[in-house]
Amino acid sequence: MCSPEPTNCYPVLVNIISNTLLRLLNSTARIRVWSELFYRTKTPDIQNYIFYNYLSYLLILAAGLPPLFAVSSTEDYKVKSTNC
């Protein structure tokens, strides 16, 4: 039931124990446990959409940060502040 990796073994054991307890209580419900880290999309269109959204967000963020640092340092220069 468990693979050699302990990361996958614990969710499987919790699933077995939980379902056994539910069966002992005469319940028809079941608990499903999976250890997939991220949701994997099946279609490449969705993957491309997510990738280009993240890429555009990071490019906008990268373009906006350097002017922020430059303005901060020019303001420090104007008031002649020093690091103590």
C-alpha atoms as a PDB file:
ATOM      1  CA  MET A   1       0.000   0.000   0.000  1.00  0.00           C
ATOM      2  CA  CYS A   2       2.774   2.454   0.830  1.00  0.00           C
ATOM      3  CA  SER A   3       5.646   3.408  -1.393  1.00  0.00           C
ATOM      4  CA  PRO A   4       9.163   3.578   0.063  1.00  0.00           C
ATOM      5  CA  GLU A   5       8.813   7.354   0.443  1.00  0.00           C
ATOM      6  CA  PRO A   6       7.413   8.295   3.863  1.00  0.00           C
ATOM      7  CA  THR A   7       5.743  11.369   2.367  1.00  0.00           C
ATOM      8  CA  ASN A   8       3.249   9.188   0.527  1.00  0.00           C
ATOM      9  CA  CYS A   9       2.840   6.614   3.278  1.00  0.00           C
ATOM     10  CA  TYR A  10       1.257   8.802   5.974  1.00  0.00           C
ATOM     11  CA  PRO A  11      -1.751   9.982   3.941  1.00  0.00           C
ATOM     12  CA  VAL A  12      -2.413   6.388   2.904  1.00  0.00           C
ATOM     13  CA  LEU A  13      -2.289   5.185   6.507  1.00  0.00           C
ATOM     14  CA  VAL A  14      -4.605   7.988   7.641  1.00  0.00           C
ATOM     15  CA  ASN A  15      -7.003   7.034   4.863  1.00  0.00           C
ATOM     16  CA  ILE A  16      -6.997   3.368   5.884  1.00  0.00           C
ATOM     17  CA  ILE A  17      -7.544   4.150   9.558  1.00  0.00           C
ATOM     18  CA  SER A  18     -10.291   6.692   8.868  1.00  0.00           C
ATOM     19  CA  ASN A  19     -12.193   4.407   6.523  1.00  0.00           C
ATOM     20  CA  THR A  20     -11.889   1.522   8.968  1.00  0.00           C
ATOM     21  CA  LEU A  21     -13.357   3.647  11.756  1.00  0.00           C
ATOM     22  CA  LEU A  22     -16.180   4.757   9.476  1.00  0.00           C
ATOM     23  CA  ARG A  23     -16.999   1.146   8.583  1.00  0.00           C
ATOM     24  CA  LEU A  24     -17.026   0.204  12.261  1.00  0.00           C
ATOM     25  CA  LEU A  25     -19.632   2.915  12.847  1.00  0.00           C
ATOM     26  CA  ASN A  26     -21.771   1.522   9.986  1.00  0.00           C
ATOM     27  CA  SER A  27     -21.318   4.583   7.842  1.00  0.00           C
ATOM     28  CA  THR A  28     -21.474   4.548   4.054  1.00  0.00           C
ATOM     29  CA  ALA A  29     -19.279   7.646   3.751  1.00  0.00           C
ATOM     30  CA  ARG A  30     -15.681   7.326   2.671  1.00  0.00           C
ATOM     31  CA  ILE A  31     -12.672   9.574   3.095  1.00  0.00           C
ATOM     32  CA  ARG A  32     -10.287  10.033   0.203  1.00  0.00           C
ATOM     33  CA  VAL A  33      -6.733  11.247   0.765  1.00  0.00           C
ATOM     34  CA  TRP A  34      -4.246  12.201  -1.917  1.00  0.00           C
ATOM     35  CA  SER A  35      -0.750  13.568  -1.648  1.00  0.00           C
ATOM     36  CA  GLU A  36      -0.458  15.540  -4.845  1.00  0.00           C
ATOM     37  CA  LEU A  37       1.337  18.785  -4.106  1.00  0.00           C
ATOM     38  CA  PHE A  38      -0.230  20.948  -6.816  1.00  0.00           C
ATOM     39  CA  TYR A  39      -3.324  20.577  -8.924  1.00  0.00           C
ATOM     40  CA  ARG A  40      -2.258  19.403 -12.359  1.00  0.00           C
ATOM     41  CA  THR A  41      -4.133  20.709 -15.317  1.00  0.00           C
ATOM     42  CA  LYS A  42      -4.860  18.326 -18.130  1.00  0.00           C
ATOM     43  CA  THR A  43      -5.122  20.734 -21.052  1.00  0.00           C
ATOM     44  CA  PRO A  44      -2.120  22.653 -22.362  1.00  0.00           C
ATOM     45  CA  ASP A  45      -4.316  25.711 -23.028  1.00  0.00           C
ATOM     46  CA  ILE A  46      -4.896  26.214 -19.316  1.00  0.00           C
ATOM     47  CA  GLN A  47      -1.216  25.638 -18.576  1.00  0.00           C
ATOM     48  CA  ASN A  48      -0.206  28.253 -21.143  1.00  0.00           C
ATOM     49  CA  TYR A  49      -2.785  30.702 -19.785  1.00  0.00           C
ATOM     50  CA  ILE A  50      -1.491  30.302 -16.221  1.00  0.00           C
ATOM     51  CA  PHE A  51       2.134  30.541 -17.349  1.00  0.00           C
ATOM     52  CA  TYR A  52       1.627  33.735 -19.356  1.00  0.00           C
ATOM     53  CA  ASN A  53      -0.419  35.334 -16.580  1.00  0.00           C
ATOM     54  CA  TYR A  54       2.349  34.692 -14.065  1.00  0.00           C
ATOM     55  CA  LEU A  55       4.990  35.821 -16.542  1.00  0.00           C
ATOM     56  CA  SER A  56       3.212  39.092 -17.271  1.00  0.00           C
ATOM     57  CA  TYR A  57       2.665  39.719 -13.561  1.00  0.00           C
ATOM     58  CA  LEU A  58       6.346  39.148 -12.803  1.00  0.00           C
ATOM     59  CA  LEU A  59       7.452  41.383 -15.679  1.00  0.00           C
ATOM     60  CA  ILE A  60       5.235  44.217 -14.467  1.00  0.00           C
ATOM     61  CA  LEU A  61       6.527  43.712 -10.941  1.00  0.00           C
ATOM     62  CA  ALA A  62      10.149  43.662 -12.133  1.00  0.00           C
ATOM     63  CA  ALA A  63       9.593  46.843 -14.142  1.00  0.00           C
ATOM     64  CA  GLY A  64       8.028  48.647 -11.185  1.00  0.00           C
ATOM     65  CA  LEU A  65      10.530  47.870  -8.447  1.00  0.00           C
ATOM     66  CA  PRO A  66      13.744  49.594  -9.640  1.00  0.00           C
ATOM     67  CA  PRO A  67      12.128  53.058  -9.913  1.00  0.00           C
ATOM     68  CA  LEU A  68      10.874  52.630  -6.364  1.00  0.00           C
ATOM     69  CA  PHE A  69      14.423  52.108  -5.104  1.00  0.00           C
ATOM     70  CA  ALA A  70      15.729  54.997  -7.207  1.00  0.00           C
ATOM     71  CA  VAL A  71      13.119  57.413  -5.839  1.00  0.00           C
ATOM     72  CA  SER A  72      13.916  56.318  -2.320  1.00  0.00           C
ATOM     73  CA  SER A  73      17.634  56.950  -2.746  1.00  0.00           C
ATOM     74  CA  THR A  74      17.118  60.370  -4.368  1.00  0.00           C
ATOM     75  CA  GLU A  75      14.859  61.404  -1.497  1.00  0.00           C
ATOM     76  CA  ASP A  76      17.585  60.319   0.925  1.00  0.00           C
ATOM     77  CA  TYR A  77      20.102  62.379  -1.045  1.00  0.00           C
ATOM     78  CA  LYS A  78      17.866  65.467  -0.961  1.00  0.00           C
ATOM     79  CA  VAL A  79      17.486  65.411   2.816  1.00  0.00           C
ATOM     80  CA  LYS A  80      21.152  64.385   3.231  1.00  0.00           C
ATOM     81  CA  SER A  81      20.368  61.354   5.352  1.00  0.00           C
ATOM     82  CA  THR A  82      23.144  59.014   6.393  1.00  0.00           C
ATOM     83  CA  ASN A  83      23.207  55.446   7.689  1.00  0.00           C
ATOM     84  CA  CYS A  84      24.361  55.330  11.283  1.00  0.00           C
END
